[in-house]
Protein backbone atom coordinates (compact mmCIF):
# COMPACT_ATOMS: atom_id res chain seq x y z
CA MET A 1 -10.63 -74.51 171.94
CA LYS A 2 -12.59 -73.78 168.81
CA LYS A 3 -12.14 -70.31 167.35
CA SER A 4 -14.63 -69.47 164.66
CA SER A 5 -13.72 -66.69 162.22
CA VAL A 6 -12.89 -63.95 164.71
CA MET A 7 -13.41 -60.30 163.83
CA VAL A 8 -10.54 -58.11 162.62
CA VAL A 9 -10.77 -55.91 165.71
CA LEU A 10 -9.96 -58.94 167.87
CA GLY A 11 -6.85 -59.58 165.79
CA PHE A 12 -5.62 -56.06 166.50
CA ALA A 13 -6.38 -56.38 170.22
CA LEU A 14 -4.48 -59.65 170.46
CA ALA A 15 -1.59 -58.20 168.50
CA LEU A 16 -1.29 -55.36 170.98
CA THR A 17 -1.44 -57.52 174.10
CA ALA A 18 0.21 -60.78 173.11
CA CYS A 19 2.71 -59.80 170.41
CA GLN A 20 3.92 -56.60 172.09
CA GLY A 21 3.09 -54.40 169.16
CA GLY A 22 0.25 -53.05 167.10
CA GLY A 23 1.39 -54.19 163.66
CA LYS A 24 -0.89 -52.85 160.96
CA ALA A 25 -2.85 -55.31 158.90
CA PRO A 26 -1.65 -55.10 155.28
CA GLU A 27 -3.61 -53.05 152.81
CA SER A 28 -2.28 -54.88 149.78
CA GLY A 29 -0.77 -58.24 148.80
CA ALA A 30 2.57 -59.62 149.95
CA SER A 31 4.46 -57.80 147.18
CA GLN A 32 7.07 -60.13 145.70
CA ALA A 33 5.35 -63.40 146.67
CA ASN A 34 1.96 -62.15 145.53
CA GLU A 35 3.33 -61.13 142.15
CA ALA A 36 5.07 -64.50 141.78
CA ALA A 37 1.82 -66.26 142.63
CA LYS A 38 -0.15 -64.18 140.14
CA GLU A 39 2.35 -64.93 137.37
CA ASP A 40 2.14 -68.63 138.22
CA LEU A 41 -1.65 -68.51 138.16
CA ALA A 42 -1.62 -66.78 134.77
CA ALA A 43 0.87 -69.29 133.37
CA GLN A 44 -1.39 -72.13 134.47
CA GLY A 45 -4.58 -70.55 133.17
CA GLY A 46 -5.30 -73.43 130.83
CA GLU A 47 -4.79 -75.97 133.57
CA ALA A 48 -7.06 -74.07 135.95
CA LYS A 49 -9.82 -73.97 133.36
CA GLY A 50 -9.35 -77.66 132.74
CA GLU A 51 -9.76 -78.42 136.43
CA GLU A 52 -12.85 -76.24 136.59
CA ALA A 53 -14.35 -78.12 133.65
CA LYS A 54 -13.47 -81.38 135.31
CA GLY A 55 -15.35 -80.28 138.43
CA GLU A 56 -18.42 -79.53 136.32
CA GLU A 57 -18.25 -82.92 134.62
CA THR A 58 -18.04 -84.79 137.92
CA GLY A 59 -20.72 -82.64 139.50
CA ASP A 60 -18.70 -81.83 142.63
CA ASP A 61 -21.23 -80.93 145.31
CA GLY A 62 -18.85 -78.59 147.12
CA ALA A 63 -18.12 -76.58 143.95
CA LYS A 64 -21.83 -76.32 143.24
CA ALA A 65 -22.47 -75.10 146.77
CA ALA A 66 -19.81 -72.41 146.48
CA ALA A 67 -21.05 -71.31 143.08
CA SER A 68 -24.62 -71.05 144.33
CA GLY A 69 -23.62 -68.77 147.20
CA GLU A 70 -24.05 -71.34 149.97
CA THR A 71 -21.52 -71.32 152.80
CA VAL A 72 -18.60 -73.74 152.67
CA THR A 73 -17.04 -74.30 156.11
CA LEU A 74 -13.33 -75.16 156.31
CA LYS A 75 -11.38 -76.32 159.38
CA LEU A 76 -7.96 -74.83 160.05
CA SER A 77 -5.64 -76.63 162.49
CA ASN A 78 -3.17 -74.30 164.22
CA ASN A 79 -0.60 -75.71 166.64
CA GLN A 80 0.21 -72.29 168.12
CA PRO A 81 -1.45 -71.01 171.33
CA ASP A 82 -4.09 -68.31 171.64
CA GLY A 83 -2.57 -64.84 171.31
CA ASN A 84 0.61 -66.00 169.55
CA CYS A 85 1.68 -63.72 166.68
CA THR A 86 1.06 -66.42 164.09
CA THR A 87 -2.33 -67.18 165.64
CA VAL A 88 -3.29 -63.52 165.32
CA ALA A 89 -2.35 -63.58 161.63
CA VAL A 90 -4.19 -66.87 160.99
CA GLU A 91 -7.34 -65.54 162.64
CA TRP A 92 -7.06 -62.32 160.62
CA PHE A 93 -6.78 -64.45 157.47
CA ALA A 94 -9.90 -66.44 158.38
CA ASP A 95 -11.95 -63.35 159.11
CA GLN A 96 -10.85 -61.57 155.93
CA VAL A 97 -11.71 -64.58 153.77
CA ARG A 98 -15.21 -64.69 155.25
CA GLU A 99 -15.64 -60.96 154.64
CA ARG A 100 -14.19 -60.91 151.12
CA THR A 101 -16.25 -63.91 149.97
CA ASP A 102 -19.42 -62.34 151.40
CA GLY A 103 -19.77 -65.27 153.77
CA ARG A 104 -19.44 -67.99 151.12
CA VAL A 105 -16.31 -69.36 152.82
CA ASN A 106 -16.19 -69.70 156.60
CA ILE A 107 -12.86 -70.82 158.08
CA GLU A 108 -13.02 -72.17 161.62
CA VAL A 109 -9.64 -71.82 163.38
CA TYR A 110 -8.69 -74.38 166.04
CA ASN A 111 -5.70 -73.23 168.11
CA ASN A 112 -3.40 -75.01 170.59
CA GLY A 113 -3.09 -78.12 168.42
CA THR A 114 -6.53 -79.30 169.53
CA LEU A 115 -7.13 -81.14 166.24
CA GLY A 116 -3.88 -83.10 166.49
CA ASP A 117 -0.21 -82.75 165.65
CA ALA A 118 0.85 -81.17 162.36
CA ILE A 119 1.90 -84.40 160.64
CA SER A 120 -1.39 -86.20 161.31
CA CYS A 121 -3.37 -83.12 160.26
CA LEU A 122 -1.41 -82.84 157.01
CA GLU A 123 -2.03 -86.52 156.32
CA GLN A 124 -5.74 -85.92 156.82
CA ALA A 125 -5.59 -82.89 154.52
CA GLN A 126 -4.28 -85.10 151.73
CA PHE A 127 -7.60 -86.91 151.68
CA GLY A 128 -10.03 -84.16 152.65
CA GLY A 129 -10.28 -84.98 156.37
CA MET A 130 -8.71 -81.62 157.21
CA ASP A 131 -8.82 -78.44 155.15
CA ILE A 132 -5.98 -76.10 156.22
CA VAL A 133 -2.98 -76.76 158.48
CA LYS A 134 -0.40 -74.45 160.07
CA ALA A 135 2.88 -76.39 160.11
CA ASP A 136 6.62 -75.69 159.99
CA LEU A 137 9.28 -76.49 157.40
CA SER A 138 10.82 -79.25 159.49
CA THR A 139 7.47 -81.06 159.48
CA MET A 140 6.98 -80.39 155.75
CA THR A 141 10.22 -82.22 154.89
CA ASN A 142 8.31 -85.42 155.69
CA PHE A 143 6.17 -84.71 152.63
CA VAL A 144 8.41 -82.66 150.29
CA ASP A 145 12.13 -83.00 150.91
CA ASP A 146 13.03 -79.82 149.00
CA TYR A 147 12.07 -77.82 152.10
CA ASN A 148 15.40 -79.01 153.55
CA ALA A 149 17.20 -76.61 151.22
CA LEU A 150 15.47 -73.65 152.88
CA MET A 151 16.69 -74.72 156.32
CA MET A 152 20.45 -74.96 155.80
CA PRO A 153 22.49 -73.40 158.64
CA TYR A 154 23.97 -69.94 158.06
CA ILE A 155 22.87 -69.91 154.42
CA TYR A 156 21.10 -66.54 154.68
CA LYS A 157 23.07 -63.31 154.95
CA ASP A 158 20.24 -61.48 156.68
CA THR A 159 16.46 -61.28 157.01
CA GLU A 160 16.12 -59.52 153.64
CA HIS A 161 17.92 -62.42 151.92
CA PHE A 162 15.70 -64.92 153.77
CA TRP A 163 12.44 -63.34 152.61
CA LYS A 164 13.76 -62.71 149.10
CA VAL A 165 14.29 -66.46 148.77
CA HIS A 166 10.94 -67.48 150.27
CA GLY A 167 8.99 -64.89 148.33
CA GLY A 168 10.83 -65.53 145.07
CA ASP A 169 11.11 -68.34 142.58
CA VAL A 170 12.76 -70.80 144.96
CA GLY A 171 10.41 -70.47 147.91
CA MET A 172 7.20 -70.06 145.93
CA GLY A 173 8.30 -72.77 143.52
CA ILE A 174 8.44 -75.25 146.39
CA LEU A 175 5.37 -73.89 148.17
CA ARG A 176 3.09 -74.22 145.15
CA GLY A 177 5.12 -76.61 143.04
CA ASP A 178 4.58 -80.02 141.49
CA LYS A 179 5.97 -81.97 144.45
CA MET A 180 3.32 -80.43 146.70
CA LYS A 181 0.61 -81.26 144.16
CA GLU A 182 1.84 -84.85 144.01
CA LYS A 183 1.22 -85.03 147.75
CA LYS A 184 -2.26 -83.51 147.25
CA LEU A 185 -1.21 -80.39 149.16
CA TYR A 186 -1.15 -76.71 148.24
CA GLY A 187 0.99 -74.10 150.00
CA LEU A 188 -0.91 -70.93 150.86
CA THR A 189 1.82 -68.87 152.51
CA TYR A 190 4.91 -68.75 154.68
CA TYR A 191 5.08 -67.15 158.13
CA ASP A 192 8.06 -65.92 160.13
CA GLY A 193 9.18 -68.55 162.65
CA GLY A 194 12.09 -66.46 163.86
CA THR A 195 15.83 -67.08 163.83
CA ARG A 196 17.36 -69.74 166.06
CA CYS A 197 20.37 -68.77 168.16
CA PHE A 198 22.57 -70.56 170.70
CA TYR A 199 22.49 -69.86 174.43
CA ASN A 200 24.52 -71.49 177.20
CA THR A 201 25.30 -71.67 180.91
CA LYS A 202 29.06 -71.03 180.75
CA LYS A 203 30.38 -68.07 178.76
CA GLU A 204 30.04 -65.68 175.85
CA ILE A 205 30.46 -67.26 172.42
CA HIS A 206 32.38 -65.44 169.69
CA SER A 207 33.64 -68.34 167.57
CA PRO A 208 33.16 -72.08 166.99
CA GLU A 209 36.22 -72.59 169.19
CA ASP A 210 34.17 -71.32 172.14
CA MET A 211 31.66 -74.12 171.58
CA LYS A 212 34.24 -76.90 171.51
CA GLY A 213 33.12 -79.77 173.77
CA MET A 214 29.82 -78.17 174.75
CA LEU A 215 26.83 -80.47 175.16
CA VAL A 216 24.19 -78.80 173.00
CA ARG A 217 20.50 -79.66 172.96
CA VAL A 218 19.11 -79.40 169.42
CA GLN A 219 16.03 -80.57 167.58
CA GLU A 220 16.12 -84.26 166.69
CA SER A 221 17.19 -83.59 163.14
CA GLU A 222 20.18 -84.96 161.26
CA LEU A 223 20.72 -81.51 159.77
CA MET A 224 20.83 -79.76 163.17
CA MET A 225 23.02 -82.45 164.72
CA SER A 226 25.48 -82.14 161.84
CA MET A 227 25.63 -78.39 162.41
CA VAL A 228 26.54 -78.75 166.10
CA GLU A 229 29.27 -81.27 165.30
CA ARG A 230 30.72 -78.95 162.65
CA LEU A 231 30.91 -76.23 165.30
CA GLY A 232 32.79 -78.47 167.72
CA GLY A 233 29.93 -79.30 170.07
CA GLN A 234 28.20 -82.55 170.93
CA SER A 235 24.51 -82.83 170.14
CA VAL A 236 22.19 -84.11 172.87
CA ALA A 237 18.64 -85.35 172.35
CA THR A 238 16.38 -83.91 175.05
CA ALA A 239 12.63 -83.34 175.02
CA TYR A 240 11.76 -79.66 174.60
CA SER A 241 9.78 -79.68 177.85
CA GLU A 242 12.94 -80.82 179.69
CA VAL A 243 15.37 -78.23 178.33
CA TYR A 244 15.08 -75.90 181.35
CA SER A 245 15.92 -78.63 183.86
CA ALA A 246 18.63 -80.06 181.58
CA LEU A 247 20.37 -76.68 181.50
CA GLN A 248 19.85 -76.19 185.21
CA THR A 249 21.33 -79.55 186.20
CA GLY A 250 24.16 -79.61 183.67
CA VAL A 251 22.79 -82.43 181.53
CA VAL A 252 23.40 -80.00 178.67
CA ASP A 253 25.55 -76.87 178.51
CA ALA A 254 23.67 -75.12 175.74
CA ALA A 255 20.52 -75.08 173.67
CA GLU A 256 19.13 -73.06 170.76
CA ASN A 257 15.87 -71.35 169.92
CA SER A 258 14.41 -67.99 168.92
CA ILE A 259 14.88 -65.05 171.27
CA VAL A 260 11.11 -64.96 171.78
CA ASN A 261 11.01 -68.55 173.05
CA TYR A 262 14.22 -68.02 175.05
CA LEU A 263 12.27 -65.43 177.03
CA ASP A 264 8.88 -67.15 177.07
CA GLN A 265 10.32 -70.47 178.30
CA SER A 266 12.46 -68.68 180.93
CA HIS A 267 15.60 -70.40 179.67
CA PHE A 268 17.48 -67.14 180.30
CA GLU A 269 17.24 -67.88 184.02
CA VAL A 270 19.56 -70.90 183.73
CA ALA A 271 21.49 -70.08 180.54
CA PRO A 272 22.28 -66.35 180.63
CA TYR A 273 24.65 -66.22 177.64
CA PHE A 274 22.80 -65.66 174.34
CA VAL A 275 24.64 -65.23 171.04
CA GLU A 276 22.87 -63.76 168.02
CA ASP A 277 24.37 -66.14 165.46
CA HIS A 278 21.05 -66.73 163.65
CA HIS A 279 22.19 -70.16 162.50
CA THR A 280 18.83 -71.09 161.06
CA ARG A 281 16.07 -68.80 159.93
CA SER A 282 12.85 -70.73 160.23
CA ALA A 283 9.60 -70.28 158.35
CA ASP A 284 6.21 -71.63 159.33
CA ILE A 285 3.79 -72.56 156.58
CA LEU A 286 0.04 -72.59 155.94
CA VAL A 287 -1.04 -75.55 153.81
CA MET A 288 -4.38 -76.42 152.21
CA GLY A 289 -5.46 -79.83 150.95
CA GLU A 290 -6.08 -80.07 147.21
CA LYS A 291 -9.21 -82.08 148.01
CA SER A 292 -10.58 -79.15 149.99
CA ARG A 293 -9.85 -76.75 147.16
CA GLU A 294 -12.20 -78.77 144.96
CA LYS A 295 -15.07 -77.52 147.14
CA LEU A 296 -14.55 -73.93 146.00
CA ASN A 297 -14.96 -71.94 142.80
CA GLU A 298 -12.08 -70.09 141.13
CA GLU A 299 -13.10 -66.69 142.50
CA ASP A 300 -13.03 -67.85 146.11
CA LEU A 301 -9.78 -69.77 145.63
CA LYS A 302 -8.16 -66.59 144.34
CA ILE A 303 -9.41 -64.68 147.39
CA ILE A 304 -8.02 -67.34 149.74
CA ASP A 305 -4.64 -67.39 148.00
CA GLU A 306 -4.20 -63.62 147.95
CA THR A 307 -5.49 -63.12 151.51
CA ALA A 308 -3.09 -65.77 152.80
CA LEU A 309 -0.14 -63.88 151.29
CA GLU A 310 -1.40 -60.66 152.88
CA SER A 311 -1.54 -62.36 156.27
CA TRP A 312 2.14 -63.23 155.76
CA GLU A 313 3.02 -59.52 155.61
CA TYR A 314 0.93 -58.86 158.71
CA GLN A 315 2.52 -61.70 160.67
CA LYS A 316 6.05 -60.57 159.75
CA GLU A 317 5.37 -57.19 161.33
CA LEU A 318 3.96 -58.78 164.48
CA TRP A 319 6.91 -61.14 164.82
CA ALA A 320 9.49 -58.37 164.36
CA GLU A 321 7.79 -56.38 167.11
CA ALA A 322 7.73 -59.43 169.40
CA GLU A 323 11.46 -60.03 168.86
CA GLU A 324 12.30 -56.41 169.65
CA GLU A 325 10.18 -56.43 172.79
CA SER A 326 11.67 -59.76 173.94
CA LYS A 327 15.20 -58.39 173.63
CA LYS A 328 14.28 -55.32 175.68
CA LYS A 329 12.81 -57.47 178.46
CA LEU A 330 15.82 -59.80 178.50
CA LEU A 331 18.22 -56.88 178.91
CA GLU A 332 16.36 -55.95 182.09
CA ASN A 333 17.69 -59.23 183.53
CA PRO A 334 21.24 -60.48 184.18
CA VAL A 335 21.58 -61.73 180.61
CA THR A 336 24.47 -61.23 178.18
CA ILE A 337 23.43 -60.90 174.54
CA THR A 338 26.38 -61.13 172.18
CA GLU A 339 26.21 -59.58 168.73
CA LEU A 340 28.77 -61.16 166.41
CA THR A 341 30.92 -59.05 164.14
CA PRO A 342 30.83 -59.91 160.40
CA GLU A 343 34.26 -61.53 160.76
CA GLU A 344 33.12 -63.67 163.71
CA LEU A 345 29.94 -64.74 161.95
CA GLU A 346 31.95 -65.78 158.90
CA LEU A 347 33.80 -68.35 161.05
CA PHE A 348 30.50 -70.06 161.84
CA GLN A 349 29.37 -69.91 158.22
CA GLU A 350 32.59 -71.41 156.88
CA ALA A 351 32.44 -74.25 159.41
CA CYS A 352 28.93 -75.24 158.30
CA LYS A 353 29.07 -74.47 154.59
CA PRO A 354 30.07 -78.04 153.61
CA ILE A 355 26.74 -79.27 154.98
CA TRP A 356 24.89 -77.41 152.24
CA TYR A 357 26.34 -79.62 149.52
CA GLU A 358 27.00 -82.83 151.45
CA TYR A 359 23.60 -83.27 153.11
CA GLU A 360 21.77 -86.29 151.67
CA GLY A 361 24.48 -86.74 149.06
CA GLY A 362 24.17 -83.22 147.63
CA ALA A 363 20.50 -83.69 146.72
CA TYR A 364 19.75 -79.97 146.97
CA LYS A 365 22.74 -78.52 145.11
CA ASP A 366 20.70 -76.68 142.46
CA LEU A 367 18.36 -75.13 145.03
CA ILE A 368 21.30 -74.20 147.29
CA ASP A 369 23.03 -72.44 144.38
CA GLN A 370 19.87 -70.42 143.71
CA ILE A 371 19.52 -69.49 147.39
CA VAL A 372 23.13 -68.34 147.58
CA ALA A 373 22.82 -66.37 144.32
CA ALA A 374 19.76 -64.53 145.68
CA GLY A 375 21.94 -63.02 148.39
CA GLU A 376 24.68 -61.75 146.08
C-alpha cells in the first residue's frame, strides 16, 4: 500500500494504538549522533562545496528543481508493516521533511515491503531507481562488511553501551563513511531493532550448559550459527514462517528473537521459557542513495539528515514502550521469563567472546576494540 507523507497527528495515533505507548516526537536532534554528524559535515565543508559546484557545472535537473522551489518526490521503501513502531517513525520523518522544506521535498512511504525486498531496493538505490530504503544491519553486510562488527554476540554491556557505539564515532563512521560512499549509499540514521533472546520448549536457561544439545533455530548467518555452537547447541536452518510449527512438533527445541516478536508471532504458546540474555542487539537502518541526493540542494539535504536523526530518538521511545508492554502481556500467560544475574550472563559472554576476534580471520579487530572500549 502506498503511504504518502502522512500527517504528524497520524503518527501519534498509530504510536498509541500499535506501539502500546504515546512516545513523544523529539523536539531536538538525536544528541550524540546529531553532534557527530554536524562535526563530520563541518569537516567536509570543502568537499560539500565541491560537489555543489560540480552539480552546477553538469546542470543537474533535480538540483535545479530543488533550488527553484519545485517539489522533488522521493520514494521510501519500508519492509515493516503498517502501524509498526519503525513505520510510525519513518512516516513521521517523511511528514516532517515535507513540512520543514516547505513542500520542496515530498517523501512517499511504501510499507509492507511492497516495493521489493531490502537487498533489491538497496541495489536500485545505488543507481537512482530507489531513493530511500529501510533495511537492517544483517542486510547491510552484503554491501559494507564493517556492519558485522556491530552485530557481535554479547558485545554490548547494556542498551546505553549499544547506543553510545551507534551514535558515536564507530557507528556514525560506518553509517556515513567512505565504504558507504563507495557503494553509492548514504546512511541517514539507525533505528532500534530490539534485542534478540533465546526461548525454548523444555526448561529455564541459566547457563550455556543448559543449552547443551538443544536444536536451535537461528537466522541463516555464519555469525549466528557460530554463536549457537559456542553455547553448546546445534543450529538448525528453518524458514521464519515455519518456526511456530517447528517448535510445536519438536523439529527444533529453541529459537531466538525480540520479546516483541516472541509475543506477536505467538511463539510463547509453544515455547514458554524465555531467557533475557540479549545475545545480539540489533539496529535497523535508513539508507539513501547518493544518486538521489544529487537531486537536492544543500539546505534540503541538511534538513533530511537532521530530521532522520530526530526520528531515531522518536523510534527508540516507541520501541522501548512496545517492549515493556509486550513483557506485561506475556506475564499474563503461562510463560517463564528468566532474568540472568551478572554472573550468569558473564558465562554466555565468555563462551562467545572468541568469535569477536576470530570471525572472518579477525577482520574487525580494530572496530571491536573500539566497541569494547566504549563500554568501559
